[in-house]
Amino acid sequence: MKANEIVRRAAAWTLALLGMFAVSVAAAHWLHGGPALVVAMAIATTQAAFVIIVLMDQRRAPAATRFAAAAGFIWLLLLLALTFADVATRAPAS
């Protein structure tokens, strides 16, 4: 792969991540409450997946490295799901 192609691909992925960031900021500005949280978390998860797959170059990594990255990502999703379940089932403060 030539240097120009590497720079072009990196710039494209950076612009994609910045675009998702802009959508996240716009959603936070216009949406409030539950929908804003859902949109923000979906965008953040997509950004994390892009970073893992593309910027960390997990497509060409050894199998053990890909397994460790996948296990960490699944663990993160589990922690987020448990956090949301905890917040959703709490009684309102009096």
N, C-alpha and C. Protein backbone atom coordinates (compact mmCIF):
# COMPACT_ATOMS: atom_id res chain seq x y z
N MET A 1 0.85 -1.17 0.00
CA MET A 1 0.00 0.00 0.00
C MET A 1 0.90 1.24 0.00
N LYS A 2 0.59 2.17 -0.86
CA LYS A 2 1.39 3.39 -0.98
C LYS A 2 1.02 4.37 0.13
N ALA A 3 1.93 5.31 0.36
CA ALA A 3 1.73 6.29 1.42
C ALA A 3 0.50 7.16 1.17
N ASN A 4 0.29 7.55 -0.09
CA ASN A 4 -0.88 8.37 -0.41
C ASN A 4 -2.18 7.65 -0.09
N GLU A 5 -2.23 6.36 -0.40
CA GLU A 5 -3.43 5.57 -0.12
C GLU A 5 -3.66 5.44 1.37
N ILE A 6 -2.62 5.25 2.13
CA ILE A 6 -2.74 5.15 3.59
C ILE A 6 -3.27 6.45 4.17
N VAL A 7 -2.71 7.56 3.73
CA VAL A 7 -3.16 8.87 4.22
C VAL A 7 -4.61 9.12 3.81
N ARG A 8 -4.97 8.77 2.58
CA ARG A 8 -6.34 8.97 2.11
C ARG A 8 -7.33 8.14 2.91
N ARG A 9 -7.00 6.89 3.20
CA ARG A 9 -7.89 6.04 3.98
C ARG A 9 -8.00 6.54 5.41
N ALA A 10 -6.88 6.96 5.99
CA ALA A 10 -6.91 7.48 7.37
C ALA A 10 -7.74 8.75 7.43
N ALA A 11 -7.62 9.60 6.43
CA ALA A 11 -8.41 10.83 6.40
C ALA A 11 -9.89 10.52 6.26
N ALA A 12 -10.23 9.54 5.44
CA ALA A 12 -11.63 9.17 5.26
C ALA A 12 -12.23 8.63 6.57
N TRP A 13 -11.51 7.78 7.26
CA TRP A 13 -12.02 7.24 8.53
C TRP A 13 -12.09 8.33 9.59
N THR A 14 -11.12 9.24 9.59
CA THR A 14 -11.17 10.34 10.55
C THR A 14 -12.38 11.23 10.29
N LEU A 15 -12.66 11.51 9.03
CA LEU A 15 -13.84 12.31 8.69
C LEU A 15 -15.13 11.58 9.05
N ALA A 16 -15.14 10.27 8.88
CA ALA A 16 -16.33 9.49 9.27
C ALA A 16 -16.55 9.58 10.79
N LEU A 17 -15.48 9.45 11.56
CA LEU A 17 -15.60 9.55 13.01
C LEU A 17 -16.01 10.96 13.43
N LEU A 18 -15.46 11.97 12.80
CA LEU A 18 -15.86 13.34 13.10
C LEU A 18 -17.31 13.61 12.71
N GLY A 19 -17.75 13.01 11.61
CA GLY A 19 -19.15 13.13 11.21
C GLY A 19 -20.08 12.51 12.25
N MET A 20 -19.71 11.34 12.75
CA MET A 20 -20.53 10.71 13.79
C MET A 20 -20.52 11.55 15.07
N PHE A 21 -19.39 12.17 15.36
CA PHE A 21 -19.32 13.06 16.52
C PHE A 21 -20.27 14.24 16.33
N ALA A 22 -20.29 14.80 15.12
CA ALA A 22 -21.19 15.93 14.85
C ALA A 22 -22.65 15.51 14.98
N VAL A 23 -22.99 14.32 14.51
CA VAL A 23 -24.36 13.82 14.65
C VAL A 23 -24.70 13.63 16.13
N SER A 24 -23.75 13.15 16.90
CA SER A 24 -23.96 12.96 18.34
C SER A 24 -24.20 14.29 19.05
N VAL A 25 -23.42 15.29 18.69
CA VAL A 25 -23.61 16.62 19.30
C VAL A 25 -24.96 17.21 18.89
N ALA A 26 -25.32 17.06 17.61
CA ALA A 26 -26.61 17.57 17.14
C ALA A 26 -27.76 16.84 17.85
N ALA A 27 -27.64 15.54 18.02
CA ALA A 27 -28.69 14.78 18.71
C ALA A 27 -28.81 15.23 20.16
N ALA A 28 -27.69 15.50 20.80
CA ALA A 28 -27.73 15.96 22.19
C ALA A 28 -28.37 17.34 22.28
N HIS A 29 -28.21 18.14 21.24
CA HIS A 29 -28.79 19.48 21.24
C HIS A 29 -30.30 19.45 21.01
N TRP A 30 -30.75 18.60 20.09
CA TRP A 30 -32.17 18.60 19.71
C TRP A 30 -33.01 17.56 20.44
N LEU A 31 -32.42 16.46 20.83
CA LEU A 31 -33.17 15.41 21.53
C LEU A 31 -32.92 15.53 23.02
N HIS A 32 -33.91 15.16 23.81
CA HIS A 32 -33.75 15.20 25.26
C HIS A 32 -34.31 13.91 25.84
N GLY A 33 -33.75 13.50 26.98
CA GLY A 33 -34.25 12.32 27.67
C GLY A 33 -33.76 11.03 27.04
N GLY A 34 -34.65 10.05 27.03
CA GLY A 34 -34.32 8.71 26.56
C GLY A 34 -33.83 8.62 25.13
N PRO A 35 -34.50 9.29 24.16
CA PRO A 35 -34.03 9.19 22.78
C PRO A 35 -32.60 9.70 22.59
N ALA A 36 -32.24 10.74 23.29
CA ALA A 36 -30.89 11.28 23.16
C ALA A 36 -29.86 10.26 23.65
N LEU A 37 -30.18 9.58 24.74
CA LEU A 37 -29.27 8.58 25.27
C LEU A 37 -29.12 7.40 24.32
N VAL A 38 -30.22 6.96 23.75
CA VAL A 38 -30.17 5.82 22.83
C VAL A 38 -29.35 6.17 21.59
N VAL A 39 -29.58 7.35 21.03
CA VAL A 39 -28.83 7.78 19.84
C VAL A 39 -27.35 7.95 20.18
N ALA A 40 -27.05 8.57 21.31
CA ALA A 40 -25.65 8.78 21.69
C ALA A 40 -24.93 7.46 21.91
N MET A 41 -25.58 6.50 22.55
CA MET A 41 -24.93 5.21 22.80
C MET A 41 -24.76 4.42 21.50
N ALA A 42 -25.72 4.51 20.59
CA ALA A 42 -25.58 3.82 19.30
C ALA A 42 -24.41 4.40 18.51
N ILE A 43 -24.29 5.72 18.51
CA ILE A 43 -23.19 6.35 17.79
C ILE A 43 -21.86 6.02 18.46
N ALA A 44 -21.81 6.04 19.78
CA ALA A 44 -20.57 5.71 20.48
C ALA A 44 -20.15 4.26 20.24
N THR A 45 -21.11 3.35 20.19
CA THR A 45 -20.79 1.95 19.92
C THR A 45 -20.26 1.78 18.50
N THR A 46 -20.86 2.49 17.55
CA THR A 46 -20.39 2.44 16.18
C THR A 46 -18.98 3.01 16.07
N GLN A 47 -18.73 4.11 16.75
CA GLN A 47 -17.39 4.69 16.74
C GLN A 47 -16.37 3.73 17.35
N ALA A 48 -16.72 3.08 18.45
CA ALA A 48 -15.81 2.12 19.07
C ALA A 48 -15.52 0.96 18.13
N ALA A 49 -16.55 0.48 17.44
CA ALA A 49 -16.34 -0.61 16.49
C ALA A 49 -15.42 -0.18 15.35
N PHE A 50 -15.60 1.04 14.83
CA PHE A 50 -14.72 1.55 13.78
C PHE A 50 -13.28 1.62 14.27
N VAL A 51 -13.09 2.13 15.47
CA VAL A 51 -11.74 2.25 16.01
C VAL A 51 -11.10 0.87 16.16
N ILE A 52 -11.86 -0.08 16.67
CA ILE A 52 -11.31 -1.43 16.87
C ILE A 52 -10.98 -2.08 15.54
N ILE A 53 -11.91 -2.04 14.61
CA ILE A 53 -11.73 -2.77 13.35
C ILE A 53 -10.73 -2.09 12.43
N VAL A 54 -10.85 -0.78 12.28
CA VAL A 54 -10.05 -0.09 11.27
C VAL A 54 -8.76 0.48 11.85
N LEU A 55 -8.88 1.32 12.86
CA LEU A 55 -7.68 2.01 13.35
C LEU A 55 -6.73 1.08 14.11
N MET A 56 -7.29 0.10 14.82
CA MET A 56 -6.43 -0.88 15.49
C MET A 56 -6.05 -2.03 14.56
N ASP A 57 -6.59 -2.00 13.33
CA ASP A 57 -6.28 -2.97 12.28
C ASP A 57 -6.50 -4.41 12.73
N GLN A 58 -7.66 -4.66 13.30
CA GLN A 58 -7.97 -6.00 13.79
C GLN A 58 -8.31 -6.97 12.66
N ARG A 59 -8.54 -6.47 11.47
CA ARG A 59 -8.84 -7.37 10.35
C ARG A 59 -7.66 -8.25 10.00
N ARG A 60 -6.46 -7.73 10.15
CA ARG A 60 -5.26 -8.49 9.79
C ARG A 60 -4.46 -8.94 11.00
N ALA A 61 -5.03 -8.82 12.19
CA ALA A 61 -4.32 -9.19 13.41
C ALA A 61 -4.36 -10.71 13.59
N PRO A 62 -3.44 -11.24 14.39
CA PRO A 62 -3.49 -12.68 14.69
C PRO A 62 -4.78 -13.03 15.42
N ALA A 63 -5.12 -14.30 15.36
CA ALA A 63 -6.39 -14.77 15.93
C ALA A 63 -6.49 -14.47 17.43
N ALA A 64 -5.42 -14.65 18.16
CA ALA A 64 -5.45 -14.41 19.61
C ALA A 64 -5.72 -12.93 19.91
N THR A 65 -5.16 -12.04 19.12
CA THR A 65 -5.38 -10.61 19.31
C THR A 65 -6.81 -10.24 18.98
N ARG A 66 -7.35 -10.81 17.90
CA ARG A 66 -8.75 -10.55 17.55
C ARG A 66 -9.68 -11.09 18.63
N PHE A 67 -9.37 -12.25 19.18
CA PHE A 67 -10.19 -12.82 20.25
C PHE A 67 -10.18 -11.92 21.48
N ALA A 68 -9.01 -11.42 21.86
CA ALA A 68 -8.90 -10.55 23.03
C ALA A 68 -9.67 -9.24 22.81
N ALA A 69 -9.57 -8.68 21.61
CA ALA A 69 -10.31 -7.44 21.31
C ALA A 69 -11.82 -7.70 21.33
N ALA A 70 -12.25 -8.81 20.76
CA ALA A 70 -13.68 -9.14 20.76
C ALA A 70 -14.18 -9.37 22.18
N ALA A 71 -13.39 -10.06 23.00
CA ALA A 71 -13.79 -10.31 24.39
C ALA A 71 -13.90 -9.00 25.16
N GLY A 72 -12.99 -8.08 24.94
CA GLY A 72 -13.06 -6.78 25.60
C GLY A 72 -14.27 -5.98 25.16
N PHE A 73 -14.58 -6.03 23.87
CA PHE A 73 -15.75 -5.31 23.35
C PHE A 73 -17.04 -5.92 23.89
N ILE A 74 -17.12 -7.23 23.94
CA ILE A 74 -18.30 -7.90 24.49
C ILE A 74 -18.44 -7.58 25.98
N TRP A 75 -17.34 -7.55 26.70
CA TRP A 75 -17.37 -7.20 28.11
C TRP A 75 -17.89 -5.77 28.30
N LEU A 76 -17.44 -4.85 27.45
CA LEU A 76 -17.92 -3.48 27.51
C LEU A 76 -19.43 -3.42 27.26
N LEU A 77 -19.93 -4.14 26.27
CA LEU A 77 -21.37 -4.18 26.01
C LEU A 77 -22.13 -4.75 27.19
N LEU A 78 -21.59 -5.78 27.83
CA LEU A 78 -22.24 -6.37 29.00
C LEU A 78 -22.31 -5.36 30.15
N LEU A 79 -21.23 -4.66 30.40
CA LEU A 79 -21.23 -3.66 31.46
C LEU A 79 -22.22 -2.54 31.18
N LEU A 80 -22.28 -2.10 29.92
CA LEU A 80 -23.25 -1.06 29.55
C LEU A 80 -24.69 -1.56 29.73
N ALA A 81 -24.96 -2.79 29.33
CA ALA A 81 -26.30 -3.36 29.48
C ALA A 81 -26.69 -3.46 30.95
N LEU A 82 -25.78 -3.91 31.79
CA LEU A 82 -26.08 -4.01 33.22
C LEU A 82 -26.27 -2.64 33.85
N THR A 83 -25.50 -1.66 33.41
CA THR A 83 -25.67 -0.30 33.92
C THR A 83 -27.04 0.25 33.55
N PHE A 84 -27.43 0.06 32.29
CA PHE A 84 -28.76 0.53 31.87
C PHE A 84 -29.86 -0.20 32.61
N ALA A 85 -29.69 -1.50 32.85
CA ALA A 85 -30.71 -2.25 33.58
C ALA A 85 -30.82 -1.73 35.01
N ASP A 86 -29.70 -1.40 35.63
CA ASP A 86 -29.72 -0.87 36.99
C ASP A 86 -30.44 0.47 37.04
N VAL A 87 -30.11 1.36 36.13
CA VAL A 87 -30.74 2.68 36.11
C VAL A 87 -32.23 2.57 35.80
N ALA A 88 -32.60 1.68 34.90
CA ALA A 88 -34.00 1.55 34.50
C ALA A 88 -34.87 0.98 35.61
N THR A 89 -34.31 0.18 36.50
CA THR A 89 -35.12 -0.47 37.53
C THR A 89 -35.07 0.22 38.88
N ARG A 90 -34.37 1.34 38.99
CA ARG A 90 -34.34 2.07 40.26
C ARG A 90 -35.62 2.82 40.51
N ALA A 91 -35.98 2.91 41.77
CA ALA A 91 -37.16 3.69 42.14
C ALA A 91 -36.77 5.17 42.11
N PRO A 92 -37.72 6.03 41.78
CA PRO A 92 -37.40 7.47 41.75
C PRO A 92 -37.03 7.96 43.16
N ALA A 93 -36.12 8.91 43.21
CA ALA A 93 -35.71 9.47 44.50
C ALA A 93 -36.86 10.30 45.09
N SER A 94 -37.01 10.18 46.39
CA SER A 94 -38.11 10.93 47.01
C SER A 94 -37.65 12.20 47.66
